C-alpha atoms as a PDB file:
ATOM      1  CA  MET A   1      -0.078   0.045  -0.080  1.00  0.00           C
ATOM      2  CA  GLN A   2       1.962   3.165  -1.388  1.00  0.00           C
ATOM      3  CA  ILE A   3       1.108   6.762  -0.196  1.00  0.00           C
ATOM      4  CA  ASP A   4       1.749   9.605  -2.547  1.00  0.00           C
ATOM      5  CA  SER A   5       2.932  13.013  -1.855  1.00  0.00           C
ATOM      6  CA  LEU A   6      -0.735  14.312  -1.948  1.00  0.00           C
ATOM      7  CA  ASP A   7      -1.841  11.838   0.821  1.00  0.00           C
ATOM      8  CA  VAL A   8       1.145  12.779   2.824  1.00  0.00           C
ATOM      9  CA  ARG A   9       0.474  16.405   2.653  1.00  0.00           C
ATOM     10  CA  LEU A  10      -3.089  15.827   3.596  1.00  0.00           C
ATOM     11  CA  LEU A  11      -2.322  13.644   6.511  1.00  0.00           C
ATOM     12  CA  ASP A  12       0.253  16.243   7.637  1.00  0.00           C
ATOM     13  CA  LEU A  13      -2.404  18.975   7.374  1.00  0.00           C
ATOM     14  CA  LEU A  14      -5.034  16.728   9.386  1.00  0.00           C
ATOM     15  CA  ALA A  15      -2.257  16.121  12.023  1.00  0.00           C
ATOM     16  CA  ALA A  16      -1.669  19.817  12.317  1.00  0.00           C
ATOM     17  CA  GLU A  17      -5.303  20.744  12.397  1.00  0.00           C
ATOM     18  CA  PRO A  18      -7.937  18.042  12.854  1.00  0.00           C
ATOM     19  CA  ARG A  19     -10.835  20.355  12.523  1.00  0.00           C
ATOM     20  CA  VAL A  20      -9.949  21.399   8.954  1.00  0.00           C
ATOM     21  CA  GLY A  21     -12.895  20.899   6.724  1.00  0.00           C
ATOM     22  CA  VAL A  22     -12.638  19.148   3.392  1.00  0.00           C
ATOM     23  CA  LEU A  23     -13.247  22.452   1.641  1.00  0.00           C
ATOM     24  CA  GLU A  24     -10.479  24.251   3.545  1.00  0.00           C
ATOM     25  CA  ALA A  25      -8.150  21.298   3.253  1.00  0.00           C
ATOM     26  CA  SER A  26      -8.786  21.489  -0.509  1.00  0.00           C
ATOM     27  CA  ARG A  27      -8.005  25.299  -0.653  1.00  0.00           C
ATOM     28  CA  ARG A  28      -4.861  24.864   1.221  1.00  0.00           C
ATOM     29  CA  LEU A  29      -3.576  21.707  -0.737  1.00  0.00           C
ATOM     30  CA  ARG A  30      -4.655  23.550  -3.999  1.00  0.00           C
ATOM     31  CA  VAL A  31      -6.679  20.598  -5.276  1.00  0.00           C
ATOM     32  CA  ALA A  32     -10.441  19.650  -5.808  1.00  0.00           C
ATOM     33  CA  ARG A  33     -12.818  19.257  -3.095  1.00  0.00           C
ATOM     34  CA  GLY A  34     -14.031  16.127  -4.417  1.00  0.00           C
ATOM     35  CA  THR A  35     -10.228  14.696  -4.680  1.00  0.00           C
ATOM     36  CA  VAL A  36      -9.784  15.659  -0.938  1.00  0.00           C
ATOM     37  CA  GLN A  37     -12.649  13.524   0.001  1.00  0.00           C
ATOM     38  CA  ALA A  38     -11.770  10.802  -2.488  1.00  0.00           C
ATOM     39  CA  ARG A  39      -8.294  10.628  -0.801  1.00  0.00           C
ATOM     40  CA  LEU A  40      -9.929  10.583   2.558  1.00  0.00           C
ATOM     41  CA  ASP A  41     -12.314   7.891   1.784  1.00  0.00           C
ATOM     42  CA  LYS A  42      -9.245   5.870   0.188  1.00  0.00           C
ATOM     43  CA  LEU A  43      -6.939   6.328   3.190  1.00  0.00           C
ATOM     44  CA  GLN A  44     -10.041   5.336   5.611  1.00  0.00           C
ATOM     45  CA  SER A  45     -11.065   2.151   3.509  1.00  0.00           C
ATOM     46  CA  ARG A  46      -7.399   1.054   3.563  1.00  0.00           C
ATOM     47  CA  GLY A  47      -7.193   1.450   7.260  1.00  0.00           C
ATOM     48  CA  ILE A  48      -4.730   4.102   7.293  1.00  0.00           C
ATOM     49  CA  ILE A  49      -6.831   6.517   8.893  1.00  0.00           C
ATOM     50  CA  HIS A  50      -8.324   4.803  11.765  1.00  0.00           C
ATOM     51  CA  ASP A  51     -11.070   7.434  12.786  1.00  0.00           C
ATOM     52  CA  LEU A  52     -11.334  11.218  13.258  1.00  0.00           C
ATOM     53  CA  ALA A  53     -11.865  11.220  16.775  1.00  0.00           C
ATOM     54  CA  PRO A  54     -10.472  14.157  18.806  1.00  0.00           C
ATOM     55  CA  THR A  55      -7.067  13.301  20.648  1.00  0.00           C
ATOM     56  CA  ILE A  56      -8.147  13.442  24.525  1.00  0.00           C
ATOM     57  CA  ASP A  57      -5.407  14.464  27.006  1.00  0.00           C
ATOM     58  CA  PRO A  58      -6.269  12.172  30.358  1.00  0.00           C
ATOM     59  CA  ALA A  59      -4.426  14.831  32.509  1.00  0.00           C
ATOM     60  CA  ALA A  60      -6.524  17.460  31.380  1.00  0.00           C
ATOM     61  CA  LEU A  61      -9.348  15.630  32.626  1.00  0.00           C
ATOM     62  CA  GLY A  62      -7.811  15.192  35.921  1.00  0.00           C
ATOM     63  CA  PHE A  63      -5.647  11.913  35.527  1.00  0.00           C
ATOM     64  CA  PRO A  64      -2.071  13.091  35.322  1.00  0.00           C
ATOM     65  CA  VAL A  65      -0.287   9.692  36.412  1.00  0.00           C
ATOM     66  CA  THR A  66       0.350   7.119  33.596  1.00  0.00           C
ATOM     67  CA  ALA A  67       1.462   3.719  34.507  1.00  0.00           C
ATOM     68  CA  PHE A  68       2.561   0.717  32.323  1.00  0.00           C
ATOM     69  CA  VAL A  69       1.312  -2.623  34.001  1.00  0.00           C
ATOM     70  CA  SER A  70       2.577  -5.901  32.687  1.00  0.00           C
ATOM     71  CA  LEU A  71       0.024  -8.868  33.386  1.00  0.00           C
ATOM     72  CA  GLU A  72       0.661 -12.604  33.763  1.00  0.00           C
ATOM     73  CA  ILE A  73      -2.602 -14.385  33.348  1.00  0.00           C
ATOM     74  CA  ALA A  74      -3.302 -18.134  34.161  1.00  0.00           C
ATOM     75  CA  GLN A  75      -3.085 -19.536  30.744  1.00  0.00           C
ATOM     76  CA  HIS A  76      -6.101 -22.130  31.121  1.00  0.00           C
ATOM     77  CA  ALA A  77      -8.141 -18.879  31.881  1.00  0.00           C
ATOM     78  CA  GLY A  78      -7.524 -17.404  28.593  1.00  0.00           C
ATOM     79  CA  ARG A  79      -7.212 -13.666  28.001  1.00  0.00           C
ATOM     80  CA  ALA A  80     -10.409 -12.901  26.653  1.00  0.00           C
ATOM     81  CA  ALA A  81     -12.169 -12.847  30.115  1.00  0.00           C
ATOM     82  CA  VAL A  82      -9.183 -10.711  31.417  1.00  0.00           C
ATOM     83  CA  VAL A  83      -9.602  -8.562  28.461  1.00  0.00           C
ATOM     84  CA  ALA A  84     -13.334  -8.378  29.159  1.00  0.00           C
ATOM     85  CA  HIS A  85     -12.309  -7.346  32.831  1.00  0.00           C
ATOM     86  CA  LEU A  86     -10.030  -4.829  31.819  1.00  0.00           C
ATOM     87  CA  THR A  87     -12.315  -3.044  29.454  1.00  0.00           C
ATOM     88  CA  GLY A  88     -14.776  -2.537  32.457  1.00  0.00           C
ATOM     89  CA  ILE A  89     -12.121  -0.295  33.934  1.00  0.00           C
ATOM     90  CA  PRO A  90     -12.262   3.344  32.653  1.00  0.00           C
ATOM     91  CA  GLU A  91      -8.910   4.070  33.815  1.00  0.00           C
ATOM     92  CA  VAL A  92      -7.503   1.421  31.286  1.00  0.00           C
ATOM     93  CA  ILE A  93      -7.005   3.163  28.109  1.00  0.00           C
ATOM     94  CA  GLU A  94      -4.729   0.752  26.030  1.00  0.00           C
ATOM     95  CA  ALA A  95      -3.832  -3.046  26.315  1.00  0.00           C
ATOM     96  CA  HIS A  96      -1.997  -5.249  24.167  1.00  0.00           C
ATOM     97  CA  THR A  97      -1.167  -9.073  23.938  1.00  0.00           C
ATOM     98  CA  VAL A  98       2.633  -9.315  24.004  1.00  0.00           C
ATOM     99  CA  THR A  99       5.463 -11.727  23.721  1.00  0.00           C
ATOM    100  CA  GLY A 100       8.239 -12.396  26.362  1.00  0.00           C
ATOM    101  CA  GLY A 101       7.689 -13.068  30.068  1.00  0.00           C
ATOM    102  CA  THR A 102       4.396 -11.556  30.317  1.00  0.00           C
ATOM    103  CA  ASP A 103       1.033 -11.803  28.738  1.00  0.00           C
ATOM    104  CA  LEU A 104      -0.720  -8.596  28.512  1.00  0.00           C
ATOM    105  CA  TRP A 105       0.667  -4.775  28.554  1.00  0.00           C
ATOM    106  CA  VAL A 106      -1.543  -2.395  29.765  1.00  0.00           C
ATOM    107  CA  ARG A 107      -1.697   1.738  29.953  1.00  0.00           C
ATOM    108  CA  LEU A 108      -3.657   3.099  32.496  1.00  0.00           C
ATOM    109  CA  VAL A 109      -4.128   6.424  33.990  1.00  0.00           C
ATOM    110  CA  ALA A 110      -4.862   7.664  37.540  1.00  0.00           C
ATOM    111  CA  ARG A 111      -5.700  10.740  39.799  1.00  0.00           C
ATOM    112  CA  ASP A 112      -2.638  10.346  41.737  1.00  0.00           C
ATOM    113  CA  ASN A 113      -0.367   7.618  43.368  1.00  0.00           C
ATOM    114  CA  THR A 114      -3.276   6.448  45.810  1.00  0.00           C
ATOM    115  CA  ASP A 115      -5.597   6.344  43.117  1.00  0.00           C
ATOM    116  CA  LEU A 116      -3.282   4.299  41.013  1.00  0.00           C
ATOM    117  CA  GLN A 117      -3.217   1.623  43.776  1.00  0.00           C
ATOM    118  CA  ARG A 118      -7.163   1.625  43.703  1.00  0.00           C
ATOM    119  CA  VAL A 119      -6.614   1.072  39.702  1.00  0.00           C
ATOM    120  CA  ILE A 120      -4.187  -1.888  40.063  1.00  0.00           C
ATOM    121  CA  ASP A 121      -6.504  -3.420  42.885  1.00  0.00           C
ATOM    122  CA  GLN A 122      -9.424  -3.339  40.275  1.00  0.00           C
ATOM    123  CA  VAL A 123      -6.985  -4.815  37.693  1.00  0.00           C
ATOM    124  CA  VAL A 124      -5.663  -7.801  39.756  1.00  0.00           C
ATOM    125  CA  ALA A 125      -9.510  -8.320  41.249  1.00  0.00           C
ATOM    126  CA  ASN A 126      -9.738 -10.949  38.291  1.00  0.00           C
ATOM    127  CA  LYS A 127      -8.645 -14.316  39.357  1.00  0.00           C
ATOM    128  CA  ALA A 128      -6.922 -15.006  35.952  1.00  0.00           C
ATOM    129  CA  VAL A 129      -4.514 -12.360  36.745  1.00  0.00           C
ATOM    130  CA  THR A 130      -1.485 -14.277  38.645  1.00  0.00           C
ATOM    131  CA  ARG A 131       1.262 -11.449  38.739  1.00  0.00           C
ATOM    132  CA  THR A 132       1.688  -7.615  37.734  1.00  0.00           C
ATOM    133  CA  VAL A 133       4.519  -5.467  37.477  1.00  0.00           C
ATOM    134  CA  THR A 134       3.790  -1.901  37.242  1.00  0.00           C
ATOM    135  CA  VAL A 135       5.953   1.026  35.980  1.00  0.00           C
ATOM    136  CA  ILE A 136       5.056   4.696  36.545  1.00  0.00           C
ATOM    137  CA  SER A 137       5.744   7.297  33.617  1.00  0.00           C
ATOM    138  CA  LEU A 138       7.561  10.034  35.117  1.00  0.00           C
ATOM    139  CA  THR A 139       7.325  12.184  31.726  1.00  0.00           C
ATOM    140  CA  ARG A 140       6.551  11.715  28.114  1.00  0.00           C
ATOM    141  CA  GLU A 141       9.533  12.225  26.183  1.00  0.00           C
ATOM    142  CA  ILE A 142       7.856  11.361  22.745  1.00  0.00           C
ATOM    143  CA  ALA A 143       4.120  11.706  22.279  1.00  0.00           C
ATOM    144  CA  THR A 144       2.094   9.129  20.158  1.00  0.00           C
ATOM    145  CA  ARG A 145       3.128  10.146  16.585  1.00  0.00           C
ATOM    146  CA  THR A 146       2.860   8.901  13.069  1.00  0.00           C
ATOM    147  CA  GLY A 147       4.040  11.709  11.094  1.00  0.00           C
ATOM    148  CA  PRO A 148       7.687  10.459  10.586  1.00  0.00           C
ATOM    149  CA  LEU A 149       6.009   7.091   9.632  1.00  0.00           C
ATOM    150  CA  ILE A 150       3.710   8.478   7.254  1.00  0.00           C
ATOM    151  CA  HIS A 151       6.796  10.261   5.388  1.00  0.00           C
ATOM    152  CA  ALA A 152       8.666   7.167   5.547  1.00  0.00           C
ATOM    153  CA  ALA A 153       6.169   5.203   3.876  1.00  0.00           C
ATOM    154  CA  ALA A 154       5.777   7.779   1.116  1.00  0.00           C
ATOM    155  CA  LYS A 155       9.591   7.157   0.419  1.00  0.00           C
ATOM    156  CA  GLY A 156       9.174   3.671  -0.671  1.00  0.00           C
ATOM    157  CA  HIS A 157       8.614   1.705   2.662  1.00  0.00           C
ATOM    158  CA  HIS A 158       5.623  -0.566   2.144  1.00  0.00           C
ATOM    159  CA  LEU A 159       2.795  -0.444   4.550  1.00  0.00           C
ATOM    160  CA  ASP A 160       1.568  -3.925   3.862  1.00  0.00           C
END
C-alpha cells in the first residue's frame, strides 16, 4: 500500500489541524474538494486513517498519572476474560497481548498514586491475573506520533 505526496500533505494537514474541513483542506492543498474527499475515503477504507476522533489528554481530565502494567495471566483462563474485565475499568486506556515473560501490557491512568493503587487493585481483582509489574511514567518524552512513519511510507517503505 503506497501513499503519495498528496496523501502525505493531506495527512500532515489533518495531524496539524484536525478540525480543518474538506473544503478548507482542498483550498490549502490546491486540489479539488472531490479529490480531498476521495483521498480521505481511500485512506479510511485502506485502514491508514483509523478514525477522526479528537485526541483526549487524560491529564486535562484530572488523570495526570500514567502507568504501564505487565500482566501475567493463568493460561487455562484465557486472555478473553481478562480483556473483558480490563474493558470495564475506565482508567485502562490501552492493552496489548505481548510476547516475552508477560501476557498483557496495559497502559492506565490515575488521579494520583493513591488512586493508582485503587486502579491496580481493580486490575488484579480478576482471578486469572496471577502477577503484575507496574512502572509509573515520570514524563512522556515522545508523544504518540505517526508523522515520521507517514513520510517514511511515502519514500517507498511498504505499509502492507
